[in-house]
Amino acid sequence: MSLPPSHRGSGQLYAAAPPHSGLAGRLQQWREAQLARQCLDAAGEPGLVLDLPCGSGRFWPVLAEHANRVILAADHDPDQLSLAMSGSPAALSARVAPLKASAEAISLGNNAVDCIFCMRWFHHVPSSAQRLSVLREFHRVSRDTVIISLWVDGNFRAWRRRRLEQRRLDAGQGSDRHNRFVVPRAQIEAEFRQAGFAIVDHHDLVPGYAMWRTYVLRKA
């Protein structure tokens, strides 16, 4: 099974070089950091966290706010890891241990970490079978919890995306999904349970409007 690589930017750290410009972008970054903190709290402030795929390391500053937390940062691309580490402040990089790994084959043993932190990647996984394969690997490696974000339906942006997609298809222009997928909430929550997780909590980026939803899962 071949899954997409990390899609988190060009290698610059979230704290040093925000990926979005303007007021809206800064508000989104602030909201994402807020959600990450809420999810980590709901997960019991895990001490050993695997950030996978870590991409540019945009969430490392939030993960490092817990003084005793150890951060494993994994990505399939060693160049991406090197860029993230070299672009990080020394005090932050000292808290991060890089690891070459992909989401479908994590080079760690069973119950190796307290929590897997998977942000802004899972919406690139196209099928239920592939999502379940990744979730089962997460279940194997995490001792306790998983924090995971993806695009779900039941909001204005998903409704508008579906309408635009249908217009393109009706006009014979083909799909414009760009390898990003909206999953019905009932479907993904059933897949979580099928993979052996219970849902502890969830948070929407902008309730009723944005497609982004972040779940906190615990091994059932």
N, C-alpha and C. Protein backbone atom coordinates (compact mmCIF):
# COMPACT_ATOMS: atom_id res chain seq x y z
N MET A 1 0.85 -1.19 0.00
CA MET A 1 0.00 0.00 0.00
C MET A 1 0.88 1.24 0.00
N SER A 2 0.60 2.16 -0.90
CA SER A 2 1.38 3.40 -0.98
C SER A 2 0.49 4.56 -0.57
N LEU A 3 0.90 5.25 0.47
CA LEU A 3 0.14 6.39 0.96
C LEU A 3 0.90 7.66 0.70
N PRO A 4 0.20 8.81 0.71
CA PRO A 4 0.84 10.07 0.40
C PRO A 4 1.82 10.50 1.48
N PRO A 5 2.87 11.26 1.11
CA PRO A 5 3.80 11.77 2.09
C PRO A 5 3.19 12.90 2.89
N SER A 6 3.99 13.44 3.80
CA SER A 6 3.53 14.58 4.58
C SER A 6 3.27 15.76 3.66
N HIS A 7 2.23 16.54 3.98
CA HIS A 7 1.88 17.73 3.19
C HIS A 7 1.82 18.93 4.13
N ARG A 8 2.88 19.20 4.86
CA ARG A 8 2.81 20.25 5.87
C ARG A 8 3.73 21.43 5.56
N GLY A 9 4.00 21.70 4.33
CA GLY A 9 4.75 22.91 4.06
C GLY A 9 6.12 22.64 3.51
N SER A 10 6.98 23.66 3.48
CA SER A 10 8.23 23.62 2.75
C SER A 10 9.44 23.38 3.63
N GLY A 11 9.24 23.00 4.86
CA GLY A 11 10.37 22.67 5.71
C GLY A 11 10.65 23.70 6.78
N GLN A 12 9.92 24.80 6.80
CA GLN A 12 10.14 25.81 7.83
C GLN A 12 9.21 25.54 9.00
N LEU A 13 9.69 25.88 10.18
CA LEU A 13 8.91 25.57 11.37
C LEU A 13 7.71 26.49 11.52
N TYR A 14 6.65 25.91 12.01
CA TYR A 14 5.41 26.65 12.27
C TYR A 14 5.66 27.87 13.13
N ALA A 15 6.52 27.74 14.14
CA ALA A 15 6.74 28.85 15.07
C ALA A 15 7.51 29.98 14.42
N ALA A 16 8.39 29.66 13.45
CA ALA A 16 9.26 30.68 12.87
C ALA A 16 8.68 31.27 11.60
N ALA A 17 7.99 30.45 10.80
CA ALA A 17 7.51 30.90 9.51
C ALA A 17 6.12 30.34 9.25
N PRO A 18 5.08 31.05 9.67
CA PRO A 18 3.73 30.55 9.52
C PRO A 18 3.40 30.24 8.07
N PRO A 19 2.65 29.15 7.82
CA PRO A 19 2.35 28.76 6.45
C PRO A 19 1.28 29.59 5.79
N HIS A 20 0.53 30.39 6.55
CA HIS A 20 -0.51 31.22 6.00
C HIS A 20 -0.21 32.68 6.32
N SER A 21 -0.52 33.55 5.38
CA SER A 21 -0.32 34.97 5.62
C SER A 21 -1.66 35.64 5.86
N GLY A 22 -1.60 36.84 6.39
CA GLY A 22 -2.81 37.60 6.62
C GLY A 22 -3.50 37.24 7.92
N LEU A 23 -4.52 38.00 8.22
CA LEU A 23 -5.24 37.83 9.48
C LEU A 23 -5.90 36.46 9.56
N ALA A 24 -6.55 36.04 8.47
CA ALA A 24 -7.24 34.75 8.49
C ALA A 24 -6.26 33.62 8.76
N GLY A 25 -5.09 33.68 8.15
CA GLY A 25 -4.09 32.64 8.37
C GLY A 25 -3.59 32.61 9.80
N ARG A 26 -3.37 33.79 10.37
CA ARG A 26 -2.90 33.85 11.76
C ARG A 26 -3.98 33.34 12.72
N LEU A 27 -5.23 33.66 12.43
CA LEU A 27 -6.31 33.15 13.26
C LEU A 27 -6.41 31.63 13.17
N GLN A 28 -6.22 31.08 11.97
CA GLN A 28 -6.27 29.63 11.83
C GLN A 28 -5.13 28.97 12.61
N GLN A 29 -3.94 29.54 12.53
CA GLN A 29 -2.80 28.98 13.28
C GLN A 29 -3.08 29.02 14.78
N TRP A 30 -3.61 30.13 15.24
CA TRP A 30 -3.93 30.25 16.67
C TRP A 30 -4.96 29.20 17.07
N ARG A 31 -5.99 29.02 16.23
CA ARG A 31 -7.05 28.06 16.54
C ARG A 31 -6.51 26.63 16.51
N GLU A 32 -5.65 26.31 15.55
CA GLU A 32 -5.07 24.97 15.48
C GLU A 32 -4.22 24.67 16.72
N ALA A 33 -3.45 25.65 17.16
CA ALA A 33 -2.65 25.45 18.36
C ALA A 33 -3.54 25.26 19.58
N GLN A 34 -4.63 26.03 19.63
CA GLN A 34 -5.57 25.89 20.74
C GLN A 34 -6.19 24.49 20.76
N LEU A 35 -6.59 24.00 19.59
CA LEU A 35 -7.18 22.66 19.50
C LEU A 35 -6.18 21.59 19.90
N ALA A 36 -4.93 21.76 19.48
CA ALA A 36 -3.90 20.79 19.84
C ALA A 36 -3.75 20.71 21.36
N ARG A 37 -3.74 21.86 22.02
CA ARG A 37 -3.62 21.88 23.48
C ARG A 37 -4.82 21.20 24.14
N GLN A 38 -6.02 21.48 23.63
CA GLN A 38 -7.22 20.86 24.20
C GLN A 38 -7.19 19.35 24.03
N CYS A 39 -6.73 18.90 22.87
CA CYS A 39 -6.68 17.46 22.61
C CYS A 39 -5.62 16.78 23.47
N LEU A 40 -4.48 17.41 23.63
CA LEU A 40 -3.44 16.85 24.50
C LEU A 40 -3.93 16.76 25.94
N ASP A 41 -4.69 17.75 26.37
CA ASP A 41 -5.26 17.72 27.72
C ASP A 41 -6.25 16.56 27.84
N ALA A 42 -7.12 16.39 26.82
CA ALA A 42 -8.09 15.29 26.85
C ALA A 42 -7.41 13.93 26.82
N ALA A 43 -6.21 13.89 26.22
CA ALA A 43 -5.44 12.64 26.16
C ALA A 43 -4.65 12.39 27.43
N GLY A 44 -4.76 13.29 28.41
CA GLY A 44 -4.08 13.11 29.69
C GLY A 44 -2.66 13.64 29.71
N GLU A 45 -2.35 14.61 28.85
CA GLU A 45 -1.00 15.19 28.76
C GLU A 45 0.06 14.09 28.65
N PRO A 46 0.05 13.35 27.54
CA PRO A 46 0.98 12.23 27.37
C PRO A 46 2.44 12.68 27.43
N GLY A 47 3.27 11.82 28.02
CA GLY A 47 4.68 12.16 28.21
C GLY A 47 5.55 11.84 27.02
N LEU A 48 5.22 10.80 26.27
CA LEU A 48 6.00 10.40 25.09
C LEU A 48 5.07 10.42 23.89
N VAL A 49 5.29 11.38 22.99
CA VAL A 49 4.40 11.62 21.85
C VAL A 49 5.15 11.38 20.55
N LEU A 50 4.52 10.67 19.64
CA LEU A 50 5.05 10.47 18.29
C LEU A 50 4.28 11.39 17.35
N ASP A 51 4.97 12.39 16.79
CA ASP A 51 4.39 13.30 15.81
C ASP A 51 4.62 12.69 14.43
N LEU A 52 3.54 12.20 13.79
CA LEU A 52 3.66 11.42 12.56
C LEU A 52 2.51 11.71 11.61
N PRO A 53 2.83 12.15 10.37
CA PRO A 53 4.13 12.62 9.91
C PRO A 53 4.38 14.04 10.40
N CYS A 54 5.61 14.31 10.79
CA CYS A 54 5.90 15.61 11.43
C CYS A 54 6.03 16.74 10.42
N GLY A 55 6.36 16.41 9.15
CA GLY A 55 6.50 17.46 8.15
C GLY A 55 7.48 18.52 8.58
N SER A 56 7.05 19.77 8.57
CA SER A 56 7.92 20.89 8.91
C SER A 56 8.04 21.12 10.41
N GLY A 57 7.35 20.32 11.21
CA GLY A 57 7.43 20.49 12.66
C GLY A 57 6.60 21.63 13.19
N ARG A 58 5.53 21.97 12.49
CA ARG A 58 4.76 23.16 12.86
C ARG A 58 4.10 23.04 14.23
N PHE A 59 3.88 21.81 14.72
CA PHE A 59 3.24 21.64 16.03
C PHE A 59 4.24 21.36 17.15
N TRP A 60 5.51 21.33 16.86
CA TRP A 60 6.49 21.05 17.91
C TRP A 60 6.45 22.07 19.05
N PRO A 61 6.33 23.38 18.76
CA PRO A 61 6.28 24.32 19.88
C PRO A 61 5.14 24.04 20.84
N VAL A 62 3.97 23.62 20.32
CA VAL A 62 2.84 23.29 21.19
C VAL A 62 3.14 22.02 21.98
N LEU A 63 3.66 21.00 21.30
CA LEU A 63 4.00 19.76 21.99
C LEU A 63 5.04 19.99 23.08
N ALA A 64 5.94 20.92 22.85
CA ALA A 64 7.03 21.17 23.80
C ALA A 64 6.61 22.03 24.99
N GLU A 65 5.39 22.53 24.99
CA GLU A 65 4.94 23.35 26.11
C GLU A 65 4.87 22.55 27.41
N HIS A 66 4.70 21.26 27.32
CA HIS A 66 4.72 20.38 28.49
C HIS A 66 6.19 20.07 28.79
N ALA A 67 6.68 20.54 29.93
CA ALA A 67 8.12 20.52 30.20
C ALA A 67 8.72 19.12 30.19
N ASN A 68 7.97 18.13 30.61
CA ASN A 68 8.51 16.77 30.72
C ASN A 68 8.20 15.88 29.52
N ARG A 69 7.63 16.47 28.47
CA ARG A 69 7.24 15.66 27.31
C ARG A 69 8.43 15.36 26.42
N VAL A 70 8.52 14.12 25.97
CA VAL A 70 9.51 13.71 24.97
C VAL A 70 8.79 13.61 23.63
N ILE A 71 9.39 14.21 22.59
CA ILE A 71 8.77 14.26 21.27
C ILE A 71 9.58 13.42 20.30
N LEU A 72 8.95 12.39 19.75
CA LEU A 72 9.51 11.66 18.61
C LEU A 72 8.88 12.24 17.36
N ALA A 73 9.72 12.66 16.42
CA ALA A 73 9.23 13.28 15.19
C ALA A 73 9.55 12.36 14.02
N ALA A 74 8.52 11.83 13.39
CA ALA A 74 8.73 10.85 12.33
C ALA A 74 8.21 11.36 11.01
N ASP A 75 8.95 11.05 9.95
CA ASP A 75 8.54 11.36 8.59
C ASP A 75 9.20 10.34 7.67
N HIS A 76 8.56 10.07 6.53
CA HIS A 76 9.14 9.11 5.59
C HIS A 76 10.33 9.71 4.85
N ASP A 77 10.42 11.06 4.85
CA ASP A 77 11.43 11.78 4.07
C ASP A 77 12.54 12.28 4.99
N PRO A 78 13.75 11.72 4.91
CA PRO A 78 14.84 12.18 5.79
C PRO A 78 15.23 13.63 5.54
N ASP A 79 15.09 14.10 4.30
CA ASP A 79 15.40 15.50 4.01
C ASP A 79 14.43 16.43 4.73
N GLN A 80 13.16 16.04 4.77
CA GLN A 80 12.18 16.83 5.50
C GLN A 80 12.51 16.89 6.99
N LEU A 81 12.91 15.76 7.54
CA LEU A 81 13.31 15.72 8.94
C LEU A 81 14.50 16.64 9.19
N SER A 82 15.49 16.59 8.31
CA SER A 82 16.68 17.43 8.48
C SER A 82 16.34 18.90 8.41
N LEU A 83 15.47 19.27 7.48
CA LEU A 83 15.06 20.67 7.36
C LEU A 83 14.34 21.14 8.61
N ALA A 84 13.43 20.30 9.11
CA ALA A 84 12.68 20.67 10.31
C ALA A 84 13.60 20.82 11.51
N MET A 85 14.54 19.90 11.67
CA MET A 85 15.46 19.97 12.80
C MET A 85 16.40 21.17 12.69
N SER A 86 16.94 21.40 11.50
CA SER A 86 17.90 22.51 11.34
C SER A 86 17.22 23.86 11.44
N GLY A 87 15.94 23.94 11.09
CA GLY A 87 15.21 25.20 11.18
C GLY A 87 14.63 25.48 12.53
N SER A 88 14.80 24.54 13.46
CA SER A 88 14.21 24.69 14.78
C SER A 88 15.17 25.39 15.73
N PRO A 89 14.66 26.22 16.64
CA PRO A 89 15.52 26.77 17.69
C PRO A 89 16.19 25.64 18.47
N ALA A 90 17.41 25.88 18.91
CA ALA A 90 18.19 24.83 19.57
C ALA A 90 17.47 24.26 20.79
N ALA A 91 16.82 25.12 21.54
CA ALA A 91 16.13 24.64 22.74
C ALA A 91 14.98 23.70 22.39
N LEU A 92 14.38 23.92 21.22
CA LEU A 92 13.29 23.07 20.79
C LEU A 92 13.82 21.77 20.18
N SER A 93 14.81 21.87 19.32
CA SER A 93 15.34 20.66 18.67
C SER A 93 15.93 19.69 19.68
N ALA A 94 16.41 20.21 20.81
CA ALA A 94 16.94 19.33 21.85
C ALA A 94 15.85 18.45 22.46
N ARG A 95 14.60 18.86 22.31
CA ARG A 95 13.47 18.09 22.85
C ARG A 95 12.94 17.06 21.85
N VAL A 96 13.45 17.09 20.62
CA VAL A 96 12.88 16.30 19.53
C VAL A 96 13.86 15.21 19.10
N ALA A 97 13.38 13.98 18.99
CA ALA A 97 14.18 12.86 18.48
C ALA A 97 13.63 12.47 17.12
N PRO A 98 14.40 12.66 16.03
CA PRO A 98 13.89 12.34 14.69
C PRO A 98 13.88 10.83 14.43
N LEU A 99 12.91 10.42 13.63
CA LEU A 99 12.74 9.01 13.32
C LEU A 99 12.20 8.88 11.90
N LYS A 100 12.88 8.11 11.06
CA LYS A 100 12.38 7.87 9.71
C LYS A 100 11.34 6.75 9.78
N ALA A 101 10.10 7.09 9.43
CA ALA A 101 9.02 6.11 9.50
C ALA A 101 7.85 6.63 8.67
N SER A 102 7.04 5.72 8.19
CA SER A 102 5.81 6.07 7.49
C SER A 102 4.62 5.63 8.33
N ALA A 103 3.47 6.22 8.06
CA ALA A 103 2.30 5.95 8.89
C ALA A 103 1.83 4.51 8.79
N GLU A 104 2.05 3.88 7.64
CA GLU A 104 1.59 2.50 7.50
C GLU A 104 2.60 1.47 7.98
N ALA A 105 3.81 1.91 8.30
CA ALA A 105 4.84 0.98 8.79
C ALA A 105 5.75 1.75 9.74
N ILE A 106 5.38 1.80 11.01
CA ILE A 106 6.12 2.58 12.00
C ILE A 106 7.22 1.71 12.59
N SER A 107 8.43 2.20 12.54
CA SER A 107 9.59 1.40 12.99
C SER A 107 9.76 1.46 14.50
N LEU A 108 8.69 1.10 15.21
CA LEU A 108 8.70 1.04 16.67
C LEU A 108 7.95 -0.21 17.10
N GLY A 109 8.20 -0.65 18.32
CA GLY A 109 7.55 -1.84 18.83
C GLY A 109 6.13 -1.57 19.29
N ASN A 110 5.47 -2.62 19.75
CA ASN A 110 4.11 -2.49 20.28
C ASN A 110 4.10 -1.62 21.52
N ASN A 111 3.06 -0.78 21.64
CA ASN A 111 2.87 0.08 22.82
C ASN A 111 4.10 0.94 23.11
N ALA A 112 4.73 1.44 22.05
CA ALA A 112 6.01 2.13 22.20
C ALA A 112 5.88 3.56 22.70
N VAL A 113 4.75 4.22 22.43
CA VAL A 113 4.59 5.62 22.82
C VAL A 113 3.26 5.79 23.55
N ASP A 114 3.15 6.87 24.29
CA ASP A 114 1.90 7.15 24.99
C ASP A 114 0.81 7.62 24.03
N CYS A 115 1.23 8.39 23.02
CA CYS A 115 0.25 9.04 22.13
C CYS A 115 0.86 9.22 20.75
N ILE A 116 0.06 8.98 19.72
CA ILE A 116 0.43 9.33 18.34
C ILE A 116 -0.34 10.58 17.96
N PHE A 117 0.39 11.57 17.47
CA PHE A 117 -0.15 12.89 17.14
C PHE A 117 -0.07 13.02 15.61
N CYS A 118 -1.21 12.90 14.94
CA CYS A 118 -1.26 12.87 13.47
C CYS A 118 -2.16 14.00 12.98
N MET A 119 -1.55 15.10 12.60
CA MET A 119 -2.30 16.29 12.21
C MET A 119 -2.07 16.63 10.74
N ARG A 120 -3.15 17.03 10.07
CA ARG A 120 -3.09 17.56 8.70
C ARG A 120 -2.49 16.59 7.69
N TRP A 121 -2.80 15.32 7.82
CA TRP A 121 -2.33 14.34 6.85
C TRP A 121 -3.41 13.32 6.49
N PHE A 122 -4.23 12.92 7.42
CA PHE A 122 -5.13 11.80 7.24
C PHE A 122 -6.17 12.05 6.15
N HIS A 123 -6.45 13.32 5.82
CA HIS A 123 -7.41 13.62 4.75
C HIS A 123 -6.86 13.31 3.37
N HIS A 124 -5.58 12.92 3.28
CA HIS A 124 -5.00 12.49 2.01
C HIS A 124 -5.17 10.99 1.78
N VAL A 125 -5.65 10.25 2.75
CA VAL A 125 -5.79 8.80 2.63
C VAL A 125 -7.12 8.51 1.95
N PRO A 126 -7.12 7.85 0.78
CA PRO A 126 -8.32 7.84 -0.07
C PRO A 126 -9.39 6.83 0.28
N SER A 127 -9.05 5.70 0.88
CA SER A 127 -10.04 4.63 1.00
C SER A 127 -10.18 4.16 2.44
N SER A 128 -11.32 3.52 2.69
CA SER A 128 -11.57 2.96 4.02
C SER A 128 -10.53 1.91 4.37
N ALA A 129 -10.19 1.05 3.41
CA ALA A 129 -9.21 -0.01 3.67
C ALA A 129 -7.86 0.57 4.07
N GLN A 130 -7.43 1.64 3.39
CA GLN A 130 -6.15 2.26 3.72
C GLN A 130 -6.21 2.97 5.06
N ARG A 131 -7.33 3.64 5.35
CA ARG A 131 -7.46 4.29 6.65
C ARG A 131 -7.41 3.25 7.77
N LEU A 132 -8.09 2.14 7.60
CA LEU A 132 -8.08 1.10 8.62
C LEU A 132 -6.70 0.52 8.82
N SER A 133 -5.95 0.36 7.74
CA SER A 133 -4.59 -0.15 7.86
C SER A 133 -3.72 0.78 8.70
N VAL A 134 -3.83 2.08 8.45
CA VAL A 134 -3.07 3.06 9.23
C VAL A 134 -3.54 3.06 10.68
N LEU A 135 -4.84 3.06 10.89
CA LEU A 135 -5.38 3.10 12.25
C LEU A 135 -4.94 1.87 13.05
N ARG A 136 -4.90 0.72 12.42
CA ARG A 136 -4.46 -0.49 13.13
C ARG A 136 -2.98 -0.42 13.48
N GLU A 137 -2.19 0.21 12.62
CA GLU A 137 -0.78 0.41 12.94
C GLU A 137 -0.64 1.39 14.11
N PHE A 138 -1.46 2.42 14.11
CA PHE A 138 -1.48 3.35 15.25
C PHE A 138 -1.87 2.63 16.53
N HIS A 139 -2.85 1.76 16.43
CA HIS A 139 -3.30 0.99 17.59
C HIS A 139 -2.18 0.11 18.13
N ARG A 140 -1.40 -0.44 17.25
CA ARG A 140 -0.28 -1.30 17.66
C ARG A 140 0.79 -0.51 18.40
N VAL A 141 1.13 0.67 17.90
CA VAL A 141 2.28 1.42 18.41
C VAL A 141 1.93 2.28 19.62
N SER A 142 0.72 2.80 19.67
CA SER A 142 0.33 3.64 20.80
C SER A 142 -0.04 2.78 22.00
N ARG A 143 0.43 3.19 23.15
CA ARG A 143 0.04 2.51 24.38
C ARG A 143 -1.34 2.94 24.85
N ASP A 144 -1.72 4.20 24.52
CA ASP A 144 -2.93 4.75 25.11
C ASP A 144 -3.80 5.50 24.11
N THR A 145 -3.30 6.61 23.53
CA THR A 145 -4.16 7.50 22.76
C THR A 145 -3.60 7.84 21.39
N VAL A 146 -4.51 8.35 20.55
CA VAL A 146 -4.17 8.89 19.23
C VAL A 146 -4.93 10.20 19.06
N ILE A 147 -4.23 11.21 18.60
CA ILE A 147 -4.86 12.49 18.23
C ILE A 147 -4.74 12.62 16.72
N ILE A 148 -5.87 12.77 16.03
CA ILE A 148 -5.85 12.70 14.57
C ILE A 148 -6.84 13.69 13.97
N SER A 149 -6.42 14.40 12.93
CA SER A 149 -7.31 15.36 12.28
C SER A 149 -7.58 14.92 10.84
N LEU A 150 -8.76 15.29 10.35
CA LEU A 150 -9.14 14.98 8.97
C LEU A 150 -10.31 15.86 8.56
N TRP A 151 -10.70 15.76 7.31
CA TRP A 151 -11.87 16.48 6.80
C TRP A 151 -13.10 15.61 6.96
N VAL A 152 -14.17 16.18 7.51
CA VAL A 152 -15.44 15.45 7.67
C VAL A 152 -16.57 16.27 7.05
N ASP A 153 -17.70 15.59 6.84
CA ASP A 153 -18.87 16.25 6.29
C ASP A 153 -19.69 16.90 7.40
N GLY A 154 -20.87 17.41 7.02
CA GLY A 154 -21.77 18.00 8.00
C GLY A 154 -21.44 19.44 8.33
N ASN A 155 -20.81 20.16 7.39
CA ASN A 155 -20.45 21.56 7.59
C ASN A 155 -20.55 22.30 6.26
N PHE A 156 -20.49 23.62 6.32
CA PHE A 156 -20.68 24.43 5.12
C PHE A 156 -19.61 24.18 4.07
N ARG A 157 -18.34 24.09 4.47
CA ARG A 157 -17.27 23.91 3.50
C ARG A 157 -17.40 22.58 2.76
N ALA A 158 -17.78 21.52 3.47
CA ALA A 158 -17.96 20.22 2.82
C ALA A 158 -19.13 20.27 1.85
N TRP A 159 -20.21 20.93 2.24
CA TRP A 159 -21.37 21.08 1.35
C TRP A 159 -20.98 21.85 0.10
N ARG A 160 -20.24 22.96 0.26
CA ARG A 160 -19.83 23.75 -0.90
C ARG A 160 -18.86 22.97 -1.78
N ARG A 161 -17.96 22.23 -1.19
CA ARG A 161 -17.01 21.42 -1.95
C ARG A 161 -17.75 20.37 -2.78
N ARG A 162 -18.76 19.75 -2.18
CA ARG A 162 -19.53 18.73 -2.89
C ARG A 162 -20.27 19.35 -4.07
N ARG A 163 -20.84 20.53 -3.90
CA ARG A 163 -21.55 21.21 -4.99
C ARG A 163 -20.60 21.58 -6.12
N LEU A 164 -19.44 22.13 -5.79
CA LEU A 164 -18.48 22.51 -6.82
C LEU A 164 -17.97 21.29 -7.57
N GLU A 165 -17.75 20.20 -6.84
CA GLU A 165 -17.29 18.97 -7.48
C GLU A 165 -18.35 18.45 -8.46
N GLN A 166 -19.61 18.51 -8.05
CA GLN A 166 -20.67 18.03 -8.94
C GLN A 166 -20.77 18.90 -10.19
N ARG A 167 -20.59 20.21 -10.02
CA ARG A 167 -20.63 21.11 -11.18
C ARG A 167 -19.52 20.78 -12.17
N ARG A 168 -18.33 20.48 -11.65
CA ARG A 168 -17.23 20.12 -12.53
C ARG A 168 -17.53 18.82 -13.28
N LEU A 169 -18.08 17.85 -12.57
CA LEU A 169 -18.41 16.58 -13.21
C LEU A 169 -19.49 16.76 -14.26
N ASP A 170 -20.52 17.57 -13.94
CA ASP A 170 -21.61 17.82 -14.90
C ASP A 170 -21.10 18.52 -16.15
N ALA A 171 -20.06 19.36 -15.97
CA ALA A 171 -19.48 20.08 -17.11
C ALA A 171 -18.42 19.26 -17.85
N GLY A 172 -18.20 18.03 -17.42
CA GLY A 172 -17.23 17.17 -18.06
C GLY A 172 -15.79 17.56 -17.81
N GLN A 173 -15.55 18.26 -16.70
CA GLN A 173 -14.20 18.74 -16.38
C GLN A 173 -13.42 17.77 -15.50
N GLY A 174 -14.04 16.71 -15.05
CA GLY A 174 -13.35 15.76 -14.19
C GLY A 174 -13.29 16.23 -12.75
N SER A 175 -12.70 15.40 -11.92
CA SER A 175 -12.63 15.68 -10.49
C SER A 175 -11.54 16.70 -10.20
N ASP A 176 -11.75 17.49 -9.15
CA ASP A 176 -10.76 18.48 -8.72
C ASP A 176 -10.41 18.28 -7.24
N ARG A 177 -10.37 17.02 -6.81
CA ARG A 177 -10.18 16.75 -5.38
C ARG A 177 -8.73 16.87 -4.95
N HIS A 178 -7.77 16.76 -5.89
CA HIS A 178 -6.35 16.93 -5.57
C HIS A 178 -5.90 16.00 -4.44
N ASN A 179 -6.39 14.77 -4.45
CA ASN A 179 -5.95 13.78 -3.46
C ASN A 179 -6.24 14.20 -2.02
N ARG A 180 -7.33 14.91 -1.85
CA ARG A 180 -7.80 15.25 -0.51
C ARG A 180 -9.26 14.85 -0.42
N PHE A 181 -9.64 14.23 0.69
CA PHE A 181 -10.93 13.55 0.74
C PHE A 181 -11.71 13.94 1.99
N VAL A 182 -13.01 14.14 1.79
CA VAL A 182 -13.94 14.38 2.89
C VAL A 182 -14.59 13.04 3.25
N VAL A 183 -14.56 12.68 4.53
CA VAL A 183 -15.12 11.41 4.98
C VAL A 183 -16.38 11.69 5.81
N PRO A 184 -17.47 10.99 5.54
CA PRO A 184 -18.66 11.15 6.40
C PRO A 184 -18.31 10.84 7.86
N ARG A 185 -18.82 11.65 8.76
CA ARG A 185 -18.47 11.48 10.17
C ARG A 185 -18.86 10.10 10.69
N ALA A 186 -20.04 9.63 10.31
CA ALA A 186 -20.47 8.31 10.79
C ALA A 186 -19.52 7.22 10.30
N GLN A 187 -19.01 7.37 9.08
CA GLN A 187 -18.12 6.36 8.52
C GLN A 187 -16.78 6.33 9.24
N ILE A 188 -16.16 7.49 9.44
CA ILE A 188 -14.84 7.50 10.07
C ILE A 188 -14.95 7.06 11.52
N GLU A 189 -16.02 7.44 12.19
CA GLU A 189 -16.16 7.02 13.58
C GLU A 189 -16.37 5.52 13.70
N ALA A 190 -17.05 4.93 12.72
CA ALA A 190 -17.18 3.47 12.68
C ALA A 190 -15.82 2.82 12.42
N GLU A 191 -15.00 3.45 11.57
CA GLU A 191 -13.66 2.92 11.30
C GLU A 191 -12.77 3.00 12.54
N PHE A 192 -12.90 4.06 13.30
CA PHE A 192 -12.15 4.15 14.56
C PHE A 192 -12.49 2.97 15.47
N ARG A 193 -13.77 2.71 15.61
CA ARG A 193 -14.20 1.60 16.47
C ARG A 193 -13.72 0.26 15.91
N GLN A 194 -13.80 0.11 14.60
CA GLN A 194 -13.36 -1.14 13.98
C GLN A 194 -11.88 -1.39 14.20
N ALA A 195 -11.09 -0.32 14.25
CA ALA A 195 -9.65 -0.45 14.48
C ALA A 195 -9.30 -0.65 15.95
N GLY A 196 -10.30 -0.57 16.85
CA GLY A 196 -10.06 -0.84 18.26
C GLY A 196 -9.96 0.39 19.14
N PHE A 197 -10.52 1.52 18.68
CA PHE A 197 -10.45 2.76 19.45
C PHE A 197 -11.83 3.18 19.93
N ALA A 198 -11.84 3.86 21.07
CA ALA A 198 -13.02 4.58 21.54
C ALA A 198 -12.75 6.07 21.37
N ILE A 199 -13.79 6.83 21.05
CA ILE A 199 -13.65 8.27 20.87
C ILE A 199 -13.76 8.95 22.23
N VAL A 200 -12.69 9.63 22.63
CA VAL A 200 -12.67 10.34 23.90
C VAL A 200 -13.26 11.74 23.74
N ASP A 201 -12.92 12.40 22.62
CA ASP A 201 -13.31 13.80 22.43
C ASP A 201 -13.13 14.15 20.96
N HIS A 202 -13.73 15.25 20.54
CA HIS A 202 -13.44 15.79 19.21
C HIS A 202 -13.65 17.30 19.25
N HIS A 203 -12.95 17.99 18.35
CA HIS A 203 -13.05 19.44 18.25
C HIS A 203 -13.04 19.84 16.78
N ASP A 204 -13.93 20.74 16.40
CA ASP A 204 -13.96 21.28 15.05
C ASP A 204 -13.20 22.59 14.99
N LEU A 205 -12.50 22.80 13.88
CA LEU A 205 -11.73 24.04 13.72
C LEU A 205 -12.65 25.25 13.82
N VAL A 206 -13.73 25.26 13.04
CA VAL A 206 -14.78 26.26 13.14
C VAL A 206 -16.10 25.50 13.05
N PRO A 207 -16.78 25.26 14.17
CA PRO A 207 -17.98 24.42 14.16
C PRO A 207 -19.02 24.90 13.15
N GLY A 208 -19.54 23.96 12.37
CA GLY A 208 -20.55 24.26 11.38
C GLY A 208 -20.03 24.83 10.08
N TYR A 209 -18.76 25.22 10.05
CA TYR A 209 -18.22 25.86 8.85
C TYR A 209 -17.06 25.08 8.24
N ALA A 210 -16.00 24.82 9.02
CA ALA A 210 -14.79 24.21 8.49
C ALA A 210 -14.90 22.70 8.44
N MET A 211 -14.16 22.09 7.50
CA MET A 211 -14.15 20.63 7.36
C MET A 211 -13.25 19.96 8.39
N TRP A 212 -12.25 20.70 8.92
CA TRP A 212 -11.29 20.09 9.83
C TRP A 212 -11.95 19.69 11.15
N ARG A 213 -11.78 18.43 11.51
CA ARG A 213 -12.17 17.93 12.84
C ARG A 213 -11.01 17.14 13.41
N THR A 214 -10.71 17.36 14.68
CA THR A 214 -9.64 16.62 15.36
C THR A 214 -10.26 15.73 16.43
N TYR A 215 -9.91 14.45 16.37
CA TYR A 215 -10.41 13.46 17.32
C TYR A 215 -9.32 13.05 18.31
N VAL A 216 -9.75 12.77 19.52
CA VAL A 216 -8.90 12.11 20.51
C VAL A 216 -9.45 10.70 20.68
N LEU A 217 -8.60 9.70 20.41
CA LEU A 217 -8.99 8.31 20.48
C LEU A 217 -8.23 7.60 21.58
N ARG A 218 -8.85 6.62 22.19
CA ARG A 218 -8.17 5.80 23.20
C ARG A 218 -8.37 4.33 22.86
N LYS A 219 -7.31 3.56 23.06
CA LYS A 219 -7.41 2.13 22.80
C LYS A 219 -8.49 1.52 23.70
N ALA A 220 -9.44 0.86 23.07
CA ALA A 220 -10.58 0.32 23.81
C ALA A 220 -10.19 -0.99 24.47
